[in-house]
Amino acid sequence: MPPLTWWRVLAPMVLDLDAQRRLRAALLDTPPLPSSDWGAACKADPTAAIGVAINVLAEGTILPERLDPAMSAILLCAALGDPACIDLLAHVLGRRARRRADLGALWLARAWRSAARRGPDRVTAVSER
């Protein structure tokens, strides 16, 4: 499964340091999204990631080639324990669950909400490229 699709299917406890590094590498290898914040979002800057994701989510037509990288940046920050990114990820997954009657997405949204209550327990996947 490609790392940029993990945001749709992986629970918080699966995103260990190795997975975080793989996700970050995939973000850095993907064509940049049209945002001045994209570079910072790929480096796990939560504010930048949220800005990029909100812009993509606000587009009239949501394209997977833009949504997956944007939500993957959110996933990386959420895995590192950022509460705003956890909230946005849970919200998008919950919305996806309602629109598609997808119980898997609903379970995943609840898992991320539970992760927010536990607090950050992740290590930072920092590696410069």
N, C-alpha and C. Protein backbone atom coordinates (compact mmCIF):
# COMPACT_ATOMS: atom_id res chain seq x y z
N MET A 1 0.84 -1.17 0.00
CA MET A 1 0.00 0.00 0.00
C MET A 1 0.89 1.24 0.00
N PRO A 2 0.68 2.16 -0.92
CA PRO A 2 1.51 3.37 -0.99
C PRO A 2 1.34 4.24 0.26
N PRO A 3 2.43 4.78 0.77
CA PRO A 3 2.36 5.59 1.99
C PRO A 3 1.39 6.77 1.92
N LEU A 4 1.20 7.34 0.74
CA LEU A 4 0.32 8.50 0.64
C LEU A 4 -1.16 8.12 0.77
N THR A 5 -1.47 6.84 0.86
CA THR A 5 -2.86 6.41 1.09
C THR A 5 -3.07 5.95 2.53
N TRP A 6 -2.03 5.94 3.32
CA TRP A 6 -2.13 5.46 4.71
C TRP A 6 -3.12 6.23 5.54
N TRP A 7 -3.29 7.52 5.28
CA TRP A 7 -4.18 8.34 6.10
C TRP A 7 -5.59 7.78 6.11
N ARG A 8 -5.97 7.05 5.05
CA ARG A 8 -7.32 6.49 4.95
C ARG A 8 -7.50 5.19 5.71
N VAL A 9 -6.38 4.53 6.08
CA VAL A 9 -6.53 3.16 6.59
C VAL A 9 -5.73 2.81 7.84
N LEU A 10 -4.70 3.58 8.19
CA LEU A 10 -3.84 3.18 9.30
C LEU A 10 -4.24 3.83 10.62
N ALA A 11 -4.27 3.00 11.64
CA ALA A 11 -4.58 3.46 12.99
C ALA A 11 -3.34 4.11 13.61
N PRO A 12 -3.53 4.94 14.63
CA PRO A 12 -2.40 5.65 15.25
C PRO A 12 -1.28 4.74 15.73
N MET A 13 -1.64 3.60 16.31
CA MET A 13 -0.61 2.75 16.89
C MET A 13 0.30 2.09 15.85
N VAL A 14 -0.09 2.14 14.60
CA VAL A 14 0.71 1.52 13.53
C VAL A 14 1.83 2.45 13.05
N LEU A 15 1.69 3.72 13.31
CA LEU A 15 2.64 4.71 12.77
C LEU A 15 3.85 4.87 13.67
N ASP A 16 4.68 3.85 13.68
CA ASP A 16 5.91 3.88 14.47
C ASP A 16 6.96 4.73 13.75
N LEU A 17 8.14 4.80 14.32
CA LEU A 17 9.19 5.65 13.76
C LEU A 17 9.52 5.27 12.31
N ASP A 18 9.61 3.98 12.02
CA ASP A 18 9.91 3.54 10.66
C ASP A 18 8.81 3.99 9.69
N ALA A 19 7.57 3.83 10.08
CA ALA A 19 6.45 4.25 9.22
C ALA A 19 6.47 5.77 9.03
N GLN A 20 6.77 6.51 10.09
CA GLN A 20 6.85 7.97 9.98
C GLN A 20 7.94 8.37 9.00
N ARG A 21 9.06 7.70 9.05
CA ARG A 21 10.16 8.02 8.11
C ARG A 21 9.76 7.70 6.67
N ARG A 22 9.10 6.56 6.47
CA ARG A 22 8.65 6.20 5.12
C ARG A 22 7.64 7.21 4.59
N LEU A 23 6.74 7.64 5.46
CA LEU A 23 5.74 8.62 5.05
C LEU A 23 6.40 9.95 4.69
N ARG A 24 7.33 10.37 5.51
CA ARG A 24 8.03 11.64 5.24
C ARG A 24 8.81 11.56 3.93
N ALA A 25 9.47 10.44 3.68
CA ALA A 25 10.20 10.27 2.43
C ALA A 25 9.25 10.32 1.24
N ALA A 26 8.09 9.69 1.36
CA ALA A 26 7.11 9.72 0.28
C ALA A 26 6.61 11.14 0.02
N LEU A 27 6.40 11.90 1.09
CA LEU A 27 5.97 13.29 0.94
C LEU A 27 7.03 14.11 0.22
N LEU A 28 8.28 13.91 0.58
CA LEU A 28 9.36 14.67 -0.05
C LEU A 28 9.57 14.27 -1.51
N ASP A 29 9.18 13.04 -1.86
CA ASP A 29 9.35 12.56 -3.24
C ASP A 29 8.17 12.89 -4.14
N THR A 30 7.05 13.29 -3.56
CA THR A 30 5.87 13.56 -4.37
C THR A 30 5.98 14.95 -5.02
N PRO A 31 5.37 15.13 -6.17
CA PRO A 31 5.38 16.47 -6.77
C PRO A 31 4.75 17.48 -5.80
N PRO A 32 5.33 18.65 -5.67
CA PRO A 32 4.83 19.62 -4.70
C PRO A 32 3.43 20.12 -5.04
N LEU A 33 2.66 20.33 -4.00
CA LEU A 33 1.35 20.95 -4.18
C LEU A 33 1.55 22.45 -4.34
N PRO A 34 0.61 23.13 -5.02
CA PRO A 34 0.77 24.57 -5.26
C PRO A 34 0.49 25.40 -4.00
N SER A 35 1.43 25.37 -3.10
CA SER A 35 1.32 26.14 -1.86
C SER A 35 2.71 26.50 -1.39
N SER A 36 2.88 27.71 -0.93
CA SER A 36 4.19 28.11 -0.41
C SER A 36 4.52 27.37 0.88
N ASP A 37 3.52 26.78 1.52
CA ASP A 37 3.73 26.04 2.76
C ASP A 37 4.05 24.56 2.54
N TRP A 38 4.05 24.10 1.31
CA TRP A 38 4.21 22.67 1.05
C TRP A 38 5.52 22.12 1.63
N GLY A 39 6.62 22.78 1.43
CA GLY A 39 7.90 22.30 1.95
C GLY A 39 7.89 22.13 3.45
N ALA A 40 7.33 23.11 4.15
CA ALA A 40 7.24 23.03 5.61
C ALA A 40 6.28 21.92 6.03
N ALA A 41 5.19 21.75 5.29
CA ALA A 41 4.23 20.68 5.61
C ALA A 41 4.89 19.31 5.51
N CYS A 42 5.74 19.13 4.51
CA CYS A 42 6.45 17.86 4.33
C CYS A 42 7.45 17.60 5.46
N LYS A 43 7.86 18.66 6.13
CA LYS A 43 8.80 18.52 7.24
C LYS A 43 8.08 18.51 8.58
N ALA A 44 6.79 18.21 8.55
CA ALA A 44 5.97 18.03 9.76
C ALA A 44 5.72 19.32 10.53
N ASP A 45 5.57 20.42 9.82
CA ASP A 45 5.15 21.68 10.45
C ASP A 45 3.61 21.66 10.48
N PRO A 46 3.02 21.52 11.67
CA PRO A 46 1.56 21.37 11.75
C PRO A 46 0.78 22.55 11.16
N THR A 47 1.23 23.76 11.39
CA THR A 47 0.53 24.93 10.87
C THR A 47 0.53 24.92 9.34
N ALA A 48 1.67 24.61 8.76
CA ALA A 48 1.78 24.55 7.30
C ALA A 48 0.91 23.41 6.76
N ALA A 49 0.96 22.25 7.40
CA ALA A 49 0.18 21.10 6.94
C ALA A 49 -1.31 21.41 6.97
N ILE A 50 -1.77 22.05 8.03
CA ILE A 50 -3.19 22.40 8.12
C ILE A 50 -3.57 23.40 7.04
N GLY A 51 -2.72 24.40 6.80
CA GLY A 51 -3.00 25.37 5.74
C GLY A 51 -3.13 24.71 4.38
N VAL A 52 -2.20 23.81 4.07
CA VAL A 52 -2.25 23.10 2.79
C VAL A 52 -3.52 22.26 2.70
N ALA A 53 -3.81 21.50 3.75
CA ALA A 53 -4.97 20.61 3.73
C ALA A 53 -6.28 21.38 3.61
N ILE A 54 -6.41 22.47 4.35
CA ILE A 54 -7.64 23.27 4.28
C ILE A 54 -7.85 23.81 2.87
N ASN A 55 -6.78 24.26 2.24
CA ASN A 55 -6.90 24.75 0.86
C ASN A 55 -7.34 23.65 -0.10
N VAL A 56 -6.78 22.45 0.06
CA VAL A 56 -7.16 21.33 -0.81
C VAL A 56 -8.61 20.93 -0.54
N LEU A 57 -8.99 20.86 0.74
CA LEU A 57 -10.35 20.46 1.09
C LEU A 57 -11.39 21.49 0.64
N ALA A 58 -10.98 22.74 0.50
CA ALA A 58 -11.91 23.81 0.10
C ALA A 58 -12.11 23.88 -1.41
N GLU A 59 -11.33 23.13 -2.18
CA GLU A 59 -11.47 23.15 -3.63
C GLU A 59 -12.83 22.58 -4.02
N GLY A 60 -13.39 23.08 -5.11
CA GLY A 60 -14.69 22.62 -5.58
C GLY A 60 -14.72 21.13 -5.87
N THR A 61 -13.68 20.63 -6.49
CA THR A 61 -13.55 19.21 -6.79
C THR A 61 -12.30 18.72 -6.09
N ILE A 62 -12.47 17.72 -5.24
CA ILE A 62 -11.31 17.19 -4.51
C ILE A 62 -10.67 16.09 -5.34
N LEU A 63 -9.43 16.30 -5.70
CA LEU A 63 -8.69 15.35 -6.53
C LEU A 63 -7.77 14.51 -5.66
N PRO A 64 -7.77 13.18 -5.84
CA PRO A 64 -6.91 12.32 -5.02
C PRO A 64 -5.43 12.69 -5.10
N GLU A 65 -4.98 13.15 -6.27
CA GLU A 65 -3.56 13.49 -6.40
C GLU A 65 -3.19 14.72 -5.58
N ARG A 66 -4.17 15.46 -5.10
CA ARG A 66 -3.92 16.59 -4.20
C ARG A 66 -4.33 16.25 -2.77
N LEU A 67 -5.43 15.52 -2.63
CA LEU A 67 -5.92 15.18 -1.30
C LEU A 67 -4.97 14.24 -0.57
N ASP A 68 -4.48 13.21 -1.24
CA ASP A 68 -3.62 12.24 -0.57
C ASP A 68 -2.33 12.86 -0.02
N PRO A 69 -1.60 13.66 -0.79
CA PRO A 69 -0.41 14.29 -0.20
C PRO A 69 -0.76 15.25 0.94
N ALA A 70 -1.81 16.04 0.76
CA ALA A 70 -2.19 17.00 1.81
C ALA A 70 -2.56 16.28 3.10
N MET A 71 -3.37 15.24 3.00
CA MET A 71 -3.79 14.51 4.20
C MET A 71 -2.65 13.66 4.76
N SER A 72 -1.71 13.29 3.92
CA SER A 72 -0.53 12.56 4.42
C SER A 72 0.34 13.46 5.27
N ALA A 73 0.44 14.73 4.90
CA ALA A 73 1.18 15.69 5.75
C ALA A 73 0.47 15.85 7.09
N ILE A 74 -0.86 15.87 7.06
CA ILE A 74 -1.65 15.92 8.30
C ILE A 74 -1.41 14.65 9.11
N LEU A 75 -1.39 13.50 8.45
CA LEU A 75 -1.16 12.23 9.13
C LEU A 75 0.19 12.23 9.84
N LEU A 76 1.22 12.72 9.17
CA LEU A 76 2.55 12.75 9.79
C LEU A 76 2.53 13.60 11.05
N CYS A 77 1.93 14.76 10.98
CA CYS A 77 1.86 15.64 12.16
C CYS A 77 0.99 15.02 13.25
N ALA A 78 -0.09 14.36 12.86
CA ALA A 78 -0.96 13.68 13.84
C ALA A 78 -0.21 12.55 14.53
N ALA A 79 0.58 11.81 13.76
CA ALA A 79 1.37 10.72 14.34
C ALA A 79 2.38 11.24 15.35
N LEU A 80 2.81 12.48 15.15
CA LEU A 80 3.76 13.10 16.08
C LEU A 80 3.05 13.75 17.27
N GLY A 81 1.73 13.66 17.29
CA GLY A 81 0.97 14.10 18.45
C GLY A 81 0.37 15.49 18.37
N ASP A 82 0.39 16.15 17.22
CA ASP A 82 -0.18 17.49 17.14
C ASP A 82 -1.71 17.40 17.26
N PRO A 83 -2.28 18.04 18.28
CA PRO A 83 -3.73 17.90 18.51
C PRO A 83 -4.59 18.49 17.40
N ALA A 84 -4.17 19.59 16.78
CA ALA A 84 -4.97 20.18 15.71
C ALA A 84 -4.99 19.27 14.49
N CYS A 85 -3.86 18.65 14.19
CA CYS A 85 -3.81 17.72 13.04
C CYS A 85 -4.60 16.45 13.34
N ILE A 86 -4.56 15.99 14.58
CA ILE A 86 -5.38 14.84 14.96
C ILE A 86 -6.86 15.18 14.77
N ASP A 87 -7.27 16.37 15.21
CA ASP A 87 -8.67 16.78 15.05
C ASP A 87 -9.07 16.86 13.58
N LEU A 88 -8.22 17.45 12.75
CA LEU A 88 -8.55 17.57 11.33
C LEU A 88 -8.62 16.19 10.68
N LEU A 89 -7.67 15.32 10.98
CA LEU A 89 -7.68 13.97 10.42
C LEU A 89 -8.95 13.23 10.84
N ALA A 90 -9.29 13.29 12.12
CA ALA A 90 -10.51 12.62 12.60
C ALA A 90 -11.75 13.20 11.94
N HIS A 91 -11.78 14.52 11.75
CA HIS A 91 -12.92 15.16 11.10
C HIS A 91 -13.07 14.69 9.65
N VAL A 92 -11.98 14.69 8.90
CA VAL A 92 -12.04 14.29 7.49
C VAL A 92 -12.42 12.81 7.38
N LEU A 93 -11.86 11.98 8.25
CA LEU A 93 -12.23 10.56 8.23
C LEU A 93 -13.70 10.36 8.59
N GLY A 94 -14.18 11.12 9.57
CA GLY A 94 -15.59 11.02 9.95
C GLY A 94 -16.51 11.46 8.83
N ARG A 95 -16.14 12.53 8.15
CA ARG A 95 -16.93 13.00 7.01
C ARG A 95 -16.93 11.96 5.89
N ARG A 96 -15.77 11.36 5.67
CA ARG A 96 -15.65 10.30 4.66
C ARG A 96 -16.54 9.12 5.03
N ALA A 97 -16.55 8.76 6.31
CA ALA A 97 -17.37 7.63 6.77
C ALA A 97 -18.85 7.90 6.53
N ARG A 98 -19.30 9.12 6.80
CA ARG A 98 -20.71 9.45 6.60
C ARG A 98 -21.09 9.46 5.13
N ARG A 99 -20.22 10.00 4.30
CA ARG A 99 -20.55 10.10 2.88
C ARG A 99 -20.57 8.74 2.19
N ARG A 100 -19.75 7.83 2.65
CA ARG A 100 -19.62 6.54 1.98
C ARG A 100 -20.20 5.39 2.79
N ALA A 101 -20.82 5.67 3.91
CA ALA A 101 -21.30 4.63 4.82
C ALA A 101 -20.17 3.63 5.08
N ASP A 102 -19.01 4.16 5.43
CA ASP A 102 -17.78 3.37 5.58
C ASP A 102 -17.48 3.19 7.07
N LEU A 103 -17.78 2.00 7.59
CA LEU A 103 -17.54 1.73 9.00
C LEU A 103 -16.06 1.72 9.34
N GLY A 104 -15.22 1.33 8.40
CA GLY A 104 -13.77 1.33 8.62
C GLY A 104 -13.25 2.75 8.86
N ALA A 105 -13.73 3.69 8.07
CA ALA A 105 -13.32 5.09 8.25
C ALA A 105 -13.86 5.65 9.56
N LEU A 106 -15.06 5.23 9.94
CA LEU A 106 -15.63 5.67 11.22
C LEU A 106 -14.79 5.14 12.39
N TRP A 107 -14.43 3.86 12.32
CA TRP A 107 -13.58 3.28 13.37
C TRP A 107 -12.24 4.02 13.44
N LEU A 108 -11.67 4.32 12.28
CA LEU A 108 -10.38 5.01 12.24
C LEU A 108 -10.49 6.42 12.83
N ALA A 109 -11.56 7.13 12.51
CA ALA A 109 -11.77 8.47 13.09
C ALA A 109 -11.84 8.37 14.61
N ARG A 110 -12.53 7.37 15.12
CA ARG A 110 -12.62 7.19 16.58
C ARG A 110 -11.28 6.82 17.18
N ALA A 111 -10.50 6.02 16.47
CA ALA A 111 -9.17 5.65 16.97
C ALA A 111 -8.29 6.89 17.09
N TRP A 112 -8.37 7.79 16.11
CA TRP A 112 -7.58 9.02 16.18
C TRP A 112 -8.07 9.94 17.28
N ARG A 113 -9.38 9.99 17.50
CA ARG A 113 -9.89 10.81 18.61
C ARG A 113 -9.41 10.26 19.95
N SER A 114 -9.34 8.94 20.07
CA SER A 114 -8.81 8.32 21.29
C SER A 114 -7.33 8.63 21.45
N ALA A 115 -6.60 8.66 20.35
CA ALA A 115 -5.17 8.98 20.40
C ALA A 115 -4.97 10.38 20.94
N ALA A 116 -5.86 11.29 20.59
CA ALA A 116 -5.75 12.68 21.06
C ALA A 116 -5.91 12.73 22.57
N ARG A 117 -6.77 11.90 23.13
CA ARG A 117 -6.96 11.88 24.58
C ARG A 117 -5.77 11.28 25.31
N ARG A 118 -5.09 10.34 24.66
CA ARG A 118 -3.91 9.72 25.27
C ARG A 118 -2.76 10.70 25.35
N GLY A 119 -2.71 11.63 24.40
CA GLY A 119 -1.59 12.58 24.36
C GLY A 119 -0.50 12.05 23.46
N PRO A 120 0.47 12.90 23.16
CA PRO A 120 1.54 12.49 22.24
C PRO A 120 2.42 11.42 22.88
N ASP A 121 2.59 10.34 22.15
CA ASP A 121 3.46 9.27 22.61
C ASP A 121 4.37 8.80 21.48
N ARG A 122 4.58 9.67 20.54
CA ARG A 122 5.37 9.33 19.36
C ARG A 122 6.73 10.00 19.42
N VAL A 123 7.65 9.42 18.68
CA VAL A 123 8.95 10.04 18.53
C VAL A 123 8.97 10.75 17.19
N THR A 124 9.79 11.75 17.07
CA THR A 124 9.83 12.55 15.86
C THR A 124 10.68 11.88 14.79
N ALA A 125 10.11 11.77 13.60
CA ALA A 125 10.82 11.19 12.47
C ALA A 125 11.54 12.31 11.73
N VAL A 126 12.59 12.79 12.30
CA VAL A 126 13.33 13.90 11.69
C VAL A 126 14.56 13.35 10.99
N SER A 127 14.64 13.66 9.73
CA SER A 127 15.85 13.34 8.96
C SER A 127 15.88 14.31 7.79
N GLU A 128 16.92 15.00 7.66
CA GLU A 128 17.04 15.97 6.57
C GLU A 128 17.43 15.26 5.29
N ARG A 129 16.87 15.74 4.20
CA ARG A 129 17.22 15.21 2.89
C ARG A 129 17.74 16.32 2.04
